[in-house]
Amino acid sequence: MRRRALLPALLAVPVAATAAACGRGRAAAPPRPAVTVVVRNIAFEPAEVEVESGQVVEWVFDDGGILHHVQGEEFDSGIVGAGTFRHEFTEVGERPYLCSVHPHMTGLVRVVAGGRQR
């Protein structure tokens, strides 16, 4: 019987109050990528990119479900066949990476001064 009494009470809660309560405790949205690298045709497109320190590179896996792996010294997507992977680069320098599944797939992120540096 108690369940029936709860339903009208829940329906009476204003939508704005419900939406505000649901927003509490959520993590901030990840930074927007400065550069996108598409993983397709068993290649990184483009293979070399340049970002300012503090910017994010996003890899988009779009190779028909073929498994790939974006792996550098300081970042690792894990082996995946779809979706995206993002990494924020904070140190100036060159960051080579590869796909451990297809070692001939290589790429380079060149990080230049600008933005945030650590």
PDB file of N, CA and C in Angstrom:
ATOM      1  N   MET A   1       0.826  -1.199   0.000  1.00  0.00           N
ATOM      2  CA  MET A   1       0.000   0.000   0.000  1.00  0.00           C
ATOM      3  C   MET A   1       0.869   1.262   0.000  1.00  0.00           C
ATOM      4  N   ARG A   2       1.964   1.183   0.664  1.00  0.00           N
ATOM      5  CA  ARG A   2       2.813   2.354   0.803  1.00  0.00           C
ATOM      6  C   ARG A   2       3.360   2.808  -0.556  1.00  0.00           C
ATOM      7  N   ARG A   3       3.601   1.892  -1.471  1.00  0.00           N
ATOM      8  CA  ARG A   3       4.121   2.240  -2.799  1.00  0.00           C
ATOM      9  C   ARG A   3       3.160   3.156  -3.549  1.00  0.00           C
ATOM     10  N   ARG A   4       1.875   2.909  -3.418  1.00  0.00           N
ATOM     11  CA  ARG A   4       0.885   3.733  -4.116  1.00  0.00           C
ATOM     12  C   ARG A   4       0.924   5.182  -3.624  1.00  0.00           C
ATOM     13  N   ALA A   5       1.217   5.385  -2.369  1.00  0.00           N
ATOM     14  CA  ALA A   5       1.274   6.737  -1.821  1.00  0.00           C
ATOM     15  C   ALA A   5       2.529   7.463  -2.306  1.00  0.00           C
ATOM     16  N   LEU A   6       3.581   6.734  -2.551  1.00  0.00           N
ATOM     17  CA  LEU A   6       4.830   7.348  -2.994  1.00  0.00           C
ATOM     18  C   LEU A   6       4.747   7.890  -4.417  1.00  0.00           C
ATOM     19  N   LEU A   7       4.083   7.198  -5.290  1.00  0.00           N
ATOM     20  CA  LEU A   7       4.030   7.604  -6.684  1.00  0.00           C
ATOM     21  C   LEU A   7       3.464   9.012  -6.856  1.00  0.00           C
ATOM     22  N   PRO A   8       2.301   9.358  -6.285  1.00  0.00           N
ATOM     23  CA  PRO A   8       1.810  10.734  -6.441  1.00  0.00           C
ATOM     24  C   PRO A   8       2.778  11.751  -5.839  1.00  0.00           C
ATOM     25  N   ALA A   9       3.434  11.407  -4.750  1.00  0.00           N
ATOM     26  CA  ALA A   9       4.386  12.337  -4.124  1.00  0.00           C
ATOM     27  C   ALA A   9       5.579  12.583  -5.043  1.00  0.00           C
ATOM     28  N   LEU A  10       6.076  11.542  -5.698  1.00  0.00           N
ATOM     29  CA  LEU A  10       7.198  11.704  -6.612  1.00  0.00           C
ATOM     30  C   LEU A  10       6.802  12.504  -7.840  1.00  0.00           C
ATOM     31  N   LEU A  11       5.596  12.308  -8.327  1.00  0.00           N
ATOM     32  CA  LEU A  11       5.136  13.037  -9.505  1.00  0.00           C
ATOM     33  C   LEU A  11       4.944  14.516  -9.209  1.00  0.00           C
ATOM     34  N   ALA A  12       4.759  14.870  -7.952  1.00  0.00           N
ATOM     35  CA  ALA A  12       4.536  16.258  -7.576  1.00  0.00           C
ATOM     36  C   ALA A  12       5.834  17.066  -7.480  1.00  0.00           C
ATOM     37  N   VAL A  13       6.987  16.400  -7.475  1.00  0.00           N
ATOM     38  CA  VAL A  13       8.270  17.109  -7.379  1.00  0.00           C
ATOM     39  C   VAL A  13       8.481  17.899  -8.664  1.00  0.00           C
ATOM     40  N   PRO A  14       8.788  19.185  -8.553  1.00  0.00           N
ATOM     41  CA  PRO A  14       8.998  19.992  -9.762  1.00  0.00           C
ATOM     42  C   PRO A  14      10.166  19.464 -10.594  1.00  0.00           C
ATOM     43  N   VAL A  15      10.018  19.559 -11.897  1.00  0.00           N
ATOM     44  CA  VAL A  15      11.038  19.071 -12.817  1.00  0.00           C
ATOM     45  C   VAL A  15      12.356  19.799 -12.589  1.00  0.00           C
ATOM     46  N   ALA A  16      12.338  21.101 -12.380  1.00  0.00           N
ATOM     47  CA  ALA A  16      13.563  21.871 -12.182  1.00  0.00           C
ATOM     48  C   ALA A  16      14.327  21.375 -10.962  1.00  0.00           C
ATOM     49  N   ALA A  17      13.612  21.072  -9.891  1.00  0.00           N
ATOM     50  CA  ALA A  17      14.275  20.581  -8.683  1.00  0.00           C
ATOM     51  C   ALA A  17      14.904  19.218  -8.932  1.00  0.00           C
ATOM     52  N   THR A  18      14.212  18.384  -9.670  1.00  0.00           N
ATOM     53  CA  THR A  18      14.743  17.061  -9.989  1.00  0.00           C
ATOM     54  C   THR A  18      15.989  17.179 -10.856  1.00  0.00           C
ATOM     55  N   ALA A  19      15.955  18.034 -11.855  1.00  0.00           N
ATOM     56  CA  ALA A  19      17.100  18.214 -12.745  1.00  0.00           C
ATOM     57  C   ALA A  19      18.296  18.772 -11.975  1.00  0.00           C
ATOM     58  N   ALA A  20      18.044  19.712 -11.080  1.00  0.00           N
ATOM     59  CA  ALA A  20      19.145  20.290 -10.298  1.00  0.00           C
ATOM     60  C   ALA A  20      19.770  19.244  -9.400  1.00  0.00           C
ATOM     61  N   ALA A  21      18.946  18.402  -8.793  1.00  0.00           N
ATOM     62  CA  ALA A  21      19.476  17.369  -7.904  1.00  0.00           C
ATOM     63  C   ALA A  21      20.295  16.356  -8.677  1.00  0.00           C
ATOM     64  N   CYS A  22      19.873  16.038  -9.894  1.00  0.00           N
ATOM     65  CA  CYS A  22      20.601  15.060 -10.692  1.00  0.00           C
ATOM     66  C   CYS A  22      21.959  15.592 -11.138  1.00  0.00           C
ATOM     67  N   GLY A  23      22.102  16.908 -11.251  1.00  0.00           N
ATOM     68  CA  GLY A  23      23.350  17.493 -11.708  1.00  0.00           C
ATOM     69  C   GLY A  23      24.418  17.559 -10.635  1.00  0.00           C
ATOM     70  N   ARG A  24      24.068  17.413  -9.393  1.00  0.00           N
ATOM     71  CA  ARG A  24      25.040  17.496  -8.312  1.00  0.00           C
ATOM     72  C   ARG A  24      25.993  16.317  -8.340  1.00  0.00           C
ATOM     73  N   GLY A  25      27.252  16.602  -8.052  1.00  0.00           N
ATOM     74  CA  GLY A  25      28.228  15.531  -7.936  1.00  0.00           C
ATOM     75  C   GLY A  25      28.771  15.030  -9.257  1.00  0.00           C
ATOM     76  N   ARG A  26      28.319  15.606 -10.370  1.00  0.00           N
ATOM     77  CA  ARG A  26      28.836  15.161 -11.668  1.00  0.00           C
ATOM     78  C   ARG A  26      30.209  15.757 -11.899  1.00  0.00           C
ATOM     79  N   ALA A  27      31.063  15.001 -12.530  1.00  0.00           N
ATOM     80  CA  ALA A  27      32.402  15.484 -12.855  1.00  0.00           C
ATOM     81  C   ALA A  27      32.305  16.534 -13.955  1.00  0.00           C
ATOM     82  N   ALA A  28      33.251  17.444 -13.965  1.00  0.00           N
ATOM     83  CA  ALA A  28      33.290  18.461 -15.013  1.00  0.00           C
ATOM     84  C   ALA A  28      33.518  17.790 -16.362  1.00  0.00           C
ATOM     85  N   ALA A  29      32.999  18.403 -17.395  1.00  0.00           N
ATOM     86  CA  ALA A  29      33.173  17.858 -18.745  1.00  0.00           C
ATOM     87  C   ALA A  29      34.653  17.869 -19.103  1.00  0.00           C
ATOM     88  N   PRO A  30      35.130  16.838 -19.783  1.00  0.00           N
ATOM     89  CA  PRO A  30      36.548  16.816 -20.170  1.00  0.00           C
ATOM     90  C   PRO A  30      36.843  17.945 -21.141  1.00  0.00           C
ATOM     91  N   PRO A  31      38.092  18.422 -21.151  1.00  0.00           N
ATOM     92  CA  PRO A  31      38.431  19.503 -22.072  1.00  0.00           C
ATOM     93  C   PRO A  31      38.154  19.100 -23.511  1.00  0.00           C
ATOM     94  N   ARG A  32      37.758  20.067 -24.295  1.00  0.00           N
ATOM     95  CA  ARG A  32      37.478  19.830 -25.710  1.00  0.00           C
ATOM     96  C   ARG A  32      38.783  19.571 -26.452  1.00  0.00           C
ATOM     97  N   PRO A  33      38.819  18.607 -27.353  1.00  0.00           N
ATOM     98  CA  PRO A  33      40.068  18.317 -28.067  1.00  0.00           C
ATOM     99  C   PRO A  33      40.462  19.449 -29.002  1.00  0.00           C
ATOM    100  N   ALA A  34      41.764  19.729 -29.040  1.00  0.00           N
ATOM    101  CA  ALA A  34      42.299  20.718 -29.972  1.00  0.00           C
ATOM    102  C   ALA A  34      42.518  20.083 -31.333  1.00  0.00           C
ATOM    103  N   VAL A  35      42.814  18.785 -31.323  1.00  0.00           N
ATOM    104  CA  VAL A  35      43.122  18.044 -32.546  1.00  0.00           C
ATOM    105  C   VAL A  35      42.448  16.679 -32.465  1.00  0.00           C
ATOM    106  N   THR A  36      41.949  16.210 -33.598  1.00  0.00           N
ATOM    107  CA  THR A  36      41.371  14.871 -33.674  1.00  0.00           C
ATOM    108  C   THR A  36      42.174  14.047 -34.673  1.00  0.00           C
ATOM    109  N   VAL A  37      42.544  12.845 -34.242  1.00  0.00           N
ATOM    110  CA  VAL A  37      43.221  11.877 -35.104  1.00  0.00           C
ATOM    111  C   VAL A  37      42.230  10.736 -35.335  1.00  0.00           C
ATOM    112  N   VAL A  38      41.965  10.420 -36.581  1.00  0.00           N
ATOM    113  CA  VAL A  38      41.040   9.329 -36.899  1.00  0.00           C
ATOM    114  C   VAL A  38      41.858   8.074 -37.172  1.00  0.00           C
ATOM    115  N   VAL A  39      41.436   6.974 -36.538  1.00  0.00           N
ATOM    116  CA  VAL A  39      42.089   5.688 -36.737  1.00  0.00           C
ATOM    117  C   VAL A  39      41.224   4.918 -37.737  1.00  0.00           C
ATOM    118  N   ARG A  40      41.724   4.860 -38.987  1.00  0.00           N
ATOM    119  CA  ARG A  40      40.976   4.146 -40.032  1.00  0.00           C
ATOM    120  C   ARG A  40      41.940   3.685 -41.108  1.00  0.00           C
ATOM    121  N   ASN A  41      41.520   2.678 -41.841  1.00  0.00           N
ATOM    122  CA  ASN A  41      42.363   2.107 -42.910  1.00  0.00           C
ATOM    123  C   ASN A  41      43.724   1.670 -42.363  1.00  0.00           C
ATOM    124  N   ILE A  42      43.696   1.169 -41.146  1.00  0.00           N
ATOM    125  CA  ILE A  42      44.896   0.708 -40.437  1.00  0.00           C
ATOM    126  C   ILE A  42      45.989   1.782 -40.504  1.00  0.00           C
ATOM    127  N   ALA A  43      45.582   3.012 -40.139  1.00  0.00           N
ATOM    128  CA  ALA A  43      46.516   4.146 -40.106  1.00  0.00           C
ATOM    129  C   ALA A  43      45.973   5.224 -39.169  1.00  0.00           C
ATOM    130  N   PHE A  44      46.863   6.099 -38.713  1.00  0.00           N
ATOM    131  CA  PHE A  44      46.476   7.284 -37.963  1.00  0.00           C
ATOM    132  C   PHE A  44      46.388   8.428 -38.960  1.00  0.00           C
ATOM    133  N   GLU A  45      45.237   9.122 -39.001  1.00  0.00           N
ATOM    134  CA  GLU A  45      45.030  10.211 -39.956  1.00  0.00           C
ATOM    135  C   GLU A  45      44.674  11.485 -39.210  1.00  0.00           C
ATOM    136  N   PRO A  46      45.548  12.500 -39.150  1.00  0.00           N
ATOM    137  CA  PRO A  46      46.914  12.549 -39.648  1.00  0.00           C
ATOM    138  C   PRO A  46      47.864  11.823 -38.697  1.00  0.00           C
ATOM    139  N   ALA A  47      48.995  11.422 -39.206  1.00  0.00           N
ATOM    140  CA  ALA A  47      49.968  10.683 -38.402  1.00  0.00           C
ATOM    141  C   ALA A  47      50.757  11.604 -37.480  1.00  0.00           C
ATOM    142  N   GLU A  48      50.918  12.870 -37.856  1.00  0.00           N
ATOM    143  CA  GLU A  48      51.625  13.842 -37.015  1.00  0.00           C
ATOM    144  C   GLU A  48      50.718  15.032 -36.758  1.00  0.00           C
ATOM    145  N   VAL A  49      50.667  15.444 -35.483  1.00  0.00           N
ATOM    146  CA  VAL A  49      49.855  16.601 -35.108  1.00  0.00           C
ATOM    147  C   VAL A  49      50.659  17.483 -34.160  1.00  0.00           C
ATOM    148  N   GLU A  50      50.226  18.730 -34.059  1.00  0.00           N
ATOM    149  CA  GLU A  50      50.879  19.665 -33.148  1.00  0.00           C
ATOM    150  C   GLU A  50      49.818  20.328 -32.284  1.00  0.00           C
ATOM    151  N   VAL A  51      50.087  20.391 -30.979  1.00  0.00           N
ATOM    152  CA  VAL A  51      49.196  21.058 -30.035  1.00  0.00           C
ATOM    153  C   VAL A  51      50.036  21.921 -29.101  1.00  0.00           C
ATOM    154  N   GLU A  52      49.381  22.860 -28.443  1.00  0.00           N
ATOM    155  CA  GLU A  52      50.036  23.645 -27.404  1.00  0.00           C
ATOM    156  C   GLU A  52      49.955  22.869 -26.097  1.00  0.00           C
ATOM    157  N   SER A  53      50.909  23.135 -25.209  1.00  0.00           N
ATOM    158  CA  SER A  53      50.861  22.465 -23.903  1.00  0.00           C
ATOM    159  C   SER A  53      49.531  22.797 -23.230  1.00  0.00           C
ATOM    160  N   GLY A  54      48.947  21.788 -22.608  1.00  0.00           N
ATOM    161  CA  GLY A  54      47.644  21.937 -21.970  1.00  0.00           C
ATOM    162  C   GLY A  54      46.482  21.576 -22.867  1.00  0.00           C
ATOM    163  N   GLN A  55      46.745  21.277 -24.122  1.00  0.00           N
ATOM    164  CA  GLN A  55      45.654  20.914 -25.026  1.00  0.00           C
ATOM    165  C   GLN A  55      45.477  19.405 -25.114  1.00  0.00           C
ATOM    166  N   VAL A  56      44.324  19.016 -25.638  1.00  0.00           N
ATOM    167  CA  VAL A  56      43.916  17.615 -25.690  1.00  0.00           C
ATOM    168  C   VAL A  56      43.908  17.114 -27.132  1.00  0.00           C
ATOM    169  N   VAL A  57      44.405  15.891 -27.309  1.00  0.00           N
ATOM    170  CA  VAL A  57      44.284  15.188 -28.595  1.00  0.00           C
ATOM    171  C   VAL A  57      43.250  14.087 -28.396  1.00  0.00           C
ATOM    172  N   GLU A  58      42.377  13.931 -29.370  1.00  0.00           N
ATOM    173  CA  GLU A  58      41.362  12.873 -29.336  1.00  0.00           C
ATOM    174  C   GLU A  58      41.587  11.938 -30.512  1.00  0.00           C
ATOM    175  N   TRP A  59      41.609  10.640 -30.227  1.00  0.00           N
ATOM    176  CA  TRP A  59      41.686   9.620 -31.265  1.00  0.00           C
ATOM    177  C   TRP A  59      40.290   9.031 -31.422  1.00  0.00           C
ATOM    178  N   VAL A  60      39.798   8.977 -32.638  1.00  0.00           N
ATOM    179  CA  VAL A  60      38.482   8.409 -32.945  1.00  0.00           C
ATOM    180  C   VAL A  60      38.712   7.098 -33.684  1.00  0.00           C
ATOM    181  N   PHE A  61      38.244   5.992 -33.112  1.00  0.00           N
ATOM    182  CA  PHE A  61      38.416   4.666 -33.704  1.00  0.00           C
ATOM    183  C   PHE A  61      37.274   4.419 -34.683  1.00  0.00           C
ATOM    184  N   ASP A  62      37.587   4.448 -35.978  1.00  0.00           N
ATOM    185  CA  ASP A  62      36.584   4.330 -37.026  1.00  0.00           C
ATOM    186  C   ASP A  62      37.114   3.417 -38.134  1.00  0.00           C
ATOM    187  N   ASP A  63      37.414   2.182 -37.749  1.00  0.00           N
ATOM    188  CA  ASP A  63      38.023   1.245 -38.705  1.00  0.00           C
ATOM    189  C   ASP A  63      37.226  -0.050 -38.788  1.00  0.00           C
ATOM    190  N   GLY A  64      35.916   0.085 -38.772  1.00  0.00           N
ATOM    191  CA  GLY A  64      35.048  -1.083 -38.952  1.00  0.00           C
ATOM    192  C   GLY A  64      35.185  -2.142 -37.877  1.00  0.00           C
ATOM    193  N   GLY A  65      35.528  -1.727 -36.657  1.00  0.00           N
ATOM    194  CA  GLY A  65      35.636  -2.690 -35.560  1.00  0.00           C
ATOM    195  C   GLY A  65      37.005  -3.348 -35.443  1.00  0.00           C
ATOM    196  N   ILE A  66      37.921  -3.039 -36.342  1.00  0.00           N
ATOM    197  CA  ILE A  66      39.279  -3.597 -36.236  1.00  0.00           C
ATOM    198  C   ILE A  66      39.901  -3.074 -34.952  1.00  0.00           C
ATOM    199  N   LEU A  67      40.544  -3.943 -34.200  1.00  0.00           N
ATOM    200  CA  LEU A  67      41.150  -3.546 -32.934  1.00  0.00           C
ATOM    201  C   LEU A  67      42.426  -2.744 -33.153  1.00  0.00           C
ATOM    202  N   HIS A  68      42.575  -1.680 -32.357  1.00  0.00           N
ATOM    203  CA  HIS A  68      43.753  -0.824 -32.394  1.00  0.00           C
ATOM    204  C   HIS A  68      44.148  -0.459 -30.972  1.00  0.00           C
ATOM    205  N   HIS A  69      45.324   0.155 -30.856  1.00  0.00           N
ATOM    206  CA  HIS A  69      45.880   0.506 -29.545  1.00  0.00           C
ATOM    207  C   HIS A  69      46.718   1.767 -29.710  1.00  0.00           C
ATOM    208  N   VAL A  70      46.324   2.854 -29.084  1.00  0.00           N
ATOM    209  CA  VAL A  70      47.108   4.082 -29.093  1.00  0.00           C
ATOM    210  C   VAL A  70      47.968   4.045 -27.839  1.00  0.00           C
ATOM    211  N   GLN A  71      49.284   3.904 -28.029  1.00  0.00           N
ATOM    212  CA  GLN A  71      50.168   3.725 -26.882  1.00  0.00           C
ATOM    213  C   GLN A  71      51.435   4.562 -27.035  1.00  0.00           C
ATOM    214  N   GLY A  72      51.649   5.419 -26.041  1.00  0.00           N
ATOM    215  CA  GLY A  72      52.866   6.217 -25.961  1.00  0.00           C
ATOM    216  C   GLY A  72      53.443   6.049 -24.561  1.00  0.00           C
ATOM    217  N   GLU A  73      54.535   6.721 -24.271  1.00  0.00           N
ATOM    218  CA  GLU A  73      55.153   6.591 -22.957  1.00  0.00           C
ATOM    219  C   GLU A  73      54.226   7.005 -21.830  1.00  0.00           C
ATOM    220  N   GLU A  74      53.409   8.037 -22.054  1.00  0.00           N
ATOM    221  CA  GLU A  74      52.581   8.571 -20.977  1.00  0.00           C
ATOM    222  C   GLU A  74      51.081   8.424 -21.206  1.00  0.00           C
ATOM    223  N   PHE A  75      50.688   7.675 -22.215  1.00  0.00           N
ATOM    224  CA  PHE A  75      49.256   7.486 -22.475  1.00  0.00           C
ATOM    225  C   PHE A  75      49.023   6.122 -23.107  1.00  0.00           C
ATOM    226  N   ASP A  76      47.813   5.597 -22.887  1.00  0.00           N
ATOM    227  CA  ASP A  76      47.485   4.237 -23.337  1.00  0.00           C
ATOM    228  C   ASP A  76      45.970   4.107 -23.442  1.00  0.00           C
ATOM    229  N   SER A  77      45.487   3.875 -24.636  1.00  0.00           N
ATOM    230  CA  SER A  77      44.036   3.746 -24.839  1.00  0.00           C
ATOM    231  C   SER A  77      43.505   2.377 -24.461  1.00  0.00           C
ATOM    232  N   GLY A  78      44.409   1.393 -24.327  1.00  0.00           N
ATOM    233  CA  GLY A  78      43.948   0.017 -24.244  1.00  0.00           C
ATOM    234  C   GLY A  78      43.597  -0.434 -25.656  1.00  0.00           C
ATOM    235  N   ILE A  79      43.371  -1.706 -25.827  1.00  0.00           N
ATOM    236  CA  ILE A  79      43.037  -2.234 -27.157  1.00  0.00           C
ATOM    237  C   ILE A  79      41.534  -2.113 -27.345  1.00  0.00           C
ATOM    238  N   VAL A  80      41.138  -1.322 -28.358  1.00  0.00           N
ATOM    239  CA  VAL A  80      39.723  -1.048 -28.600  1.00  0.00           C
ATOM    240  C   VAL A  80      39.421  -1.087 -30.094  1.00  0.00           C
ATOM    241  N   GLY A  81      38.145  -1.265 -30.412  1.00  0.00           N
ATOM    242  CA  GLY A  81      37.721  -1.314 -31.806  1.00  0.00           C
ATOM    243  C   GLY A  81      36.731  -0.234 -32.178  1.00  0.00           C
ATOM    244  N   ALA A  82      36.335   0.592 -31.216  1.00  0.00           N
ATOM    245  CA  ALA A  82      35.372   1.665 -31.484  1.00  0.00           C
ATOM    246  C   ALA A  82      35.452   2.687 -30.364  1.00  0.00           C
ATOM    247  N   GLY A  83      34.863   3.836 -30.616  1.00  0.00           N
ATOM    248  CA  GLY A  83      34.819   4.869 -29.589  1.00  0.00           C
ATOM    249  C   GLY A  83      35.925   5.884 -29.743  1.00  0.00           C
ATOM    250  N   THR A  84      36.256   6.549 -28.631  1.00  0.00           N
ATOM    251  CA  THR A  84      37.273   7.589 -28.650  1.00  0.00           C
ATOM    252  C   THR A  84      38.200   7.443 -27.456  1.00  0.00           C
ATOM    253  N   PHE A  85      39.354   8.068 -27.563  1.00  0.00           N
ATOM    254  CA  PHE A  85      40.335   8.139 -26.476  1.00  0.00           C
ATOM    255  C   PHE A  85      40.909   9.541 -26.498  1.00  0.00           C
ATOM    256  N   ARG A  86      41.035  10.166 -25.321  1.00  0.00           N
ATOM    257  CA  ARG A  86      41.578  11.519 -25.217  1.00  0.00           C
ATOM    258  C   ARG A  86      42.742  11.546 -24.247  1.00  0.00           C
ATOM    259  N   HIS A  87      43.702  12.428 -24.556  1.00  0.00           N
ATOM    260  CA  HIS A  87      44.822  12.647 -23.634  1.00  0.00           C
ATOM    261  C   HIS A  87      45.223  14.115 -23.687  1.00  0.00           C
ATOM    262  N   GLU A  88      45.449  14.696 -22.504  1.00  0.00           N
ATOM    263  CA  GLU A  88      45.914  16.078 -22.398  1.00  0.00           C
ATOM    264  C   GLU A  88      47.436  16.078 -22.313  1.00  0.00           C
ATOM    265  N   PHE A  89      48.068  16.867 -23.156  1.00  0.00           N
ATOM    266  CA  PHE A  89      49.524  16.958 -23.195  1.00  0.00           C
ATOM    267  C   PHE A  89      49.966  18.227 -22.478  1.00  0.00           C
ATOM    268  N   THR A  90      50.781  18.077 -21.444  1.00  0.00           N
ATOM    269  CA  THR A  90      51.170  19.214 -20.621  1.00  0.00           C
ATOM    270  C   THR A  90      52.647  19.568 -20.711  1.00  0.00           C
ATOM    271  N   GLU A  91      53.463  18.671 -21.209  1.00  0.00           N
ATOM    272  CA  GLU A  91      54.907  18.900 -21.304  1.00  0.00           C
ATOM    273  C   GLU A  91      55.300  19.154 -22.752  1.00  0.00           C
ATOM    274  N   VAL A  92      56.106  20.195 -22.976  1.00  0.00           N
ATOM    275  CA  VAL A  92      56.600  20.510 -24.315  1.00  0.00           C
ATOM    276  C   VAL A  92      57.537  19.397 -24.787  1.00  0.00           C
ATOM    277  N   GLY A  93      57.437  19.029 -26.050  1.00  0.00           N
ATOM    278  CA  GLY A  93      58.317  18.006 -26.625  1.00  0.00           C
ATOM    279  C   GLY A  93      57.568  17.135 -27.612  1.00  0.00           C
ATOM    280  N   GLU A  94      58.259  16.137 -28.122  1.00  0.00           N
ATOM    281  CA  GLU A  94      57.654  15.214 -29.078  1.00  0.00           C
ATOM    282  C   GLU A  94      57.248  13.936 -28.373  1.00  0.00           C
ATOM    283  N   ARG A  95      56.047  13.463 -28.667  1.00  0.00           N
ATOM    284  CA  ARG A  95      55.508  12.251 -28.056  1.00  0.00           C
ATOM    285  C   ARG A  95      55.163  11.245 -29.154  1.00  0.00           C
ATOM    286  N   PRO A  96      56.108  10.344 -29.480  1.00  0.00           N
ATOM    287  CA  PRO A  96      55.797   9.310 -30.471  1.00  0.00           C
ATOM    288  C   PRO A  96      54.843   8.270 -29.871  1.00  0.00           C
ATOM    289  N   TYR A  97      54.052   7.665 -30.720  1.00  0.00           N
ATOM    290  CA  TYR A  97      53.149   6.602 -30.277  1.00  0.00           C
ATOM    291  C   TYR A  97      52.967   5.595 -31.397  1.00  0.00           C
ATOM    292  N   LEU A  98      52.371   4.463 -31.044  1.00  0.00           N
ATOM    293  CA  LEU A  98      52.124   3.425 -32.043  1.00  0.00           C
ATOM    294  C   LEU A  98      50.904   2.615 -31.657  1.00  0.00           C
ATOM    295  N   CYS A  99      50.538   1.735 -32.569  1.00  0.00           N
ATOM    296  CA  CYS A  99      49.477   0.758 -32.323  1.00  0.00           C
ATOM    297  C   CYS A  99      50.179  -0.570 -32.093  1.00  0.00           C
ATOM    298  N   SER A 100      50.097  -1.110 -30.883  1.00  0.00           N
ATOM    299  CA  SER A 100      50.801  -2.368 -30.600  1.00  0.00           C
ATOM    300  C   SER A 100      50.232  -3.544 -31.386  1.00  0.00           C
ATOM    301  N   VAL A 101      48.997  -3.420 -31.849  1.00  0.00           N
ATOM    302  CA  VAL A 101      48.376  -4.476 -32.650  1.00  0.00           C
ATOM    303  C   VAL A 101      48.936  -4.449 -34.074  1.00  0.00           C
ATOM    304  N   HIS A 102      49.218  -3.252 -34.571  1.00  0.00           N
ATOM    305  CA  HIS A 102      49.765  -3.044 -35.924  1.00  0.00           C
ATOM    306  C   HIS A 102      50.994  -2.147 -35.775  1.00  0.00           C
ATOM    307  N   PRO A 103      52.152  -2.704 -35.421  1.00  0.00           N
ATOM    308  CA  PRO A 103      53.337  -1.885 -35.117  1.00  0.00           C
ATOM    309  C   PRO A 103      53.798  -0.950 -36.229  1.00  0.00           C
ATOM    310  N   HIS A 104      53.373  -1.184 -37.472  1.00  0.00           N
ATOM    311  CA  HIS A 104      53.726  -0.249 -38.547  1.00  0.00           C
ATOM    312  C   HIS A 104      52.926   1.044 -38.447  1.00  0.00           C
ATOM    313  N   MET A 105      51.853   1.038 -37.644  1.00  0.00           N
ATOM    314  CA  MET A 105      51.064   2.251 -37.422  1.00  0.00           C
ATOM    315  C   MET A 105      51.776   3.091 -36.372  1.00  0.00           C
ATOM    316  N   THR A 106      52.320   4.210 -36.780  1.00  0.00           N
ATOM    317  CA  THR A 106      53.003   5.094 -35.841  1.00  0.00           C
ATOM    318  C   THR A 106      52.473   6.512 -36.006  1.00  0.00           C
ATOM    319  N   GLY A 107      52.624   7.279 -34.944  1.00  0.00           N
ATOM    320  CA  GLY A 107      52.195   8.668 -34.974  1.00  0.00           C
ATOM    321  C   GLY A 107      53.080   9.511 -34.080  1.00  0.00           C
ATOM    322  N   LEU A 108      52.899  10.814 -34.166  1.00  0.00           N
ATOM    323  CA  LEU A 108      53.694  11.739 -33.372  1.00  0.00           C
ATOM    324  C   LEU A 108      52.832  12.924 -32.961  1.00  0.00           C
ATOM    325  N   VAL A 109      52.873  13.244 -31.662  1.00  0.00           N
ATOM    326  CA  VAL A 109      52.246  14.462 -31.158  1.00  0.00           C
ATOM    327  C   VAL A 109      53.381  15.405 -30.788  1.00  0.00           C
ATOM    328  N   ARG A 110      53.410  16.551 -31.426  1.00  0.00           N
ATOM    329  CA  ARG A 110      54.418  17.574 -31.127  1.00  0.00           C
ATOM    330  C   ARG A 110      53.734  18.609 -30.233  1.00  0.00           C
ATOM    331  N   VAL A 111      54.282  18.793 -29.017  1.00  0.00           N
ATOM    332  CA  VAL A 111      53.699  19.714 -28.052  1.00  0.00           C
ATOM    333  C   VAL A 111      54.593  20.946 -27.975  1.00  0.00           C
ATOM    334  N   VAL A 112      54.009  22.106 -28.258  1.00  0.00           N
ATOM    335  CA  VAL A 112      54.751  23.365 -28.263  1.00  0.00           C
ATOM    336  C   VAL A 112      54.296  24.242 -27.097  1.00  0.00           C
ATOM    337  N   ALA A 113      55.103  25.228 -26.751  1.00  0.00           N
ATOM    338  CA  ALA A 113      54.777  26.136 -25.651  1.00  0.00           C
ATOM    339  C   ALA A 113      53.469  26.863 -25.944  1.00  0.00           C
ATOM    340  N   GLY A 114      52.757  27.121 -24.915  1.00  0.00           N
ATOM    341  CA  GLY A 114      51.466  27.793 -25.002  1.00  0.00           C
ATOM    342  C   GLY A 114      50.679  27.363 -23.791  1.00  0.00           C
ATOM    343  N   GLY A 115      49.439  27.488 -23.747  1.00  0.00           N
ATOM    344  CA  GLY A 115      48.578  26.951 -22.689  1.00  0.00           C
ATOM    345  C   GLY A 115      49.249  26.668 -21.368  1.00  0.00           C
ATOM    346  N   ARG A 116      48.799  25.630 -20.699  1.00  0.00           N
ATOM    347  CA  ARG A 116      49.312  25.241 -19.376  1.00  0.00           C
ATOM    348  C   ARG A 116      50.530  24.350 -19.520  1.00  0.00           C
ATOM    349  N   GLN A 117      51.524  24.593 -18.703  1.00  0.00           N
ATOM    350  CA  GLN A 117      52.702  23.728 -18.648  1.00  0.00           C
ATOM    351  C   GLN A 117      52.894  23.260 -17.228  1.00  0.00           C
ATOM    352  N   ARG A 118      53.379  22.060 -17.081  1.00  0.00           N
ATOM    353  CA  ARG A 118      53.669  21.517 -15.743  1.00  0.00           C
ATOM    354  C   ARG A 118      55.132  21.255 -15.634  1.00  0.00           C
TER     355      ARG A 118
END
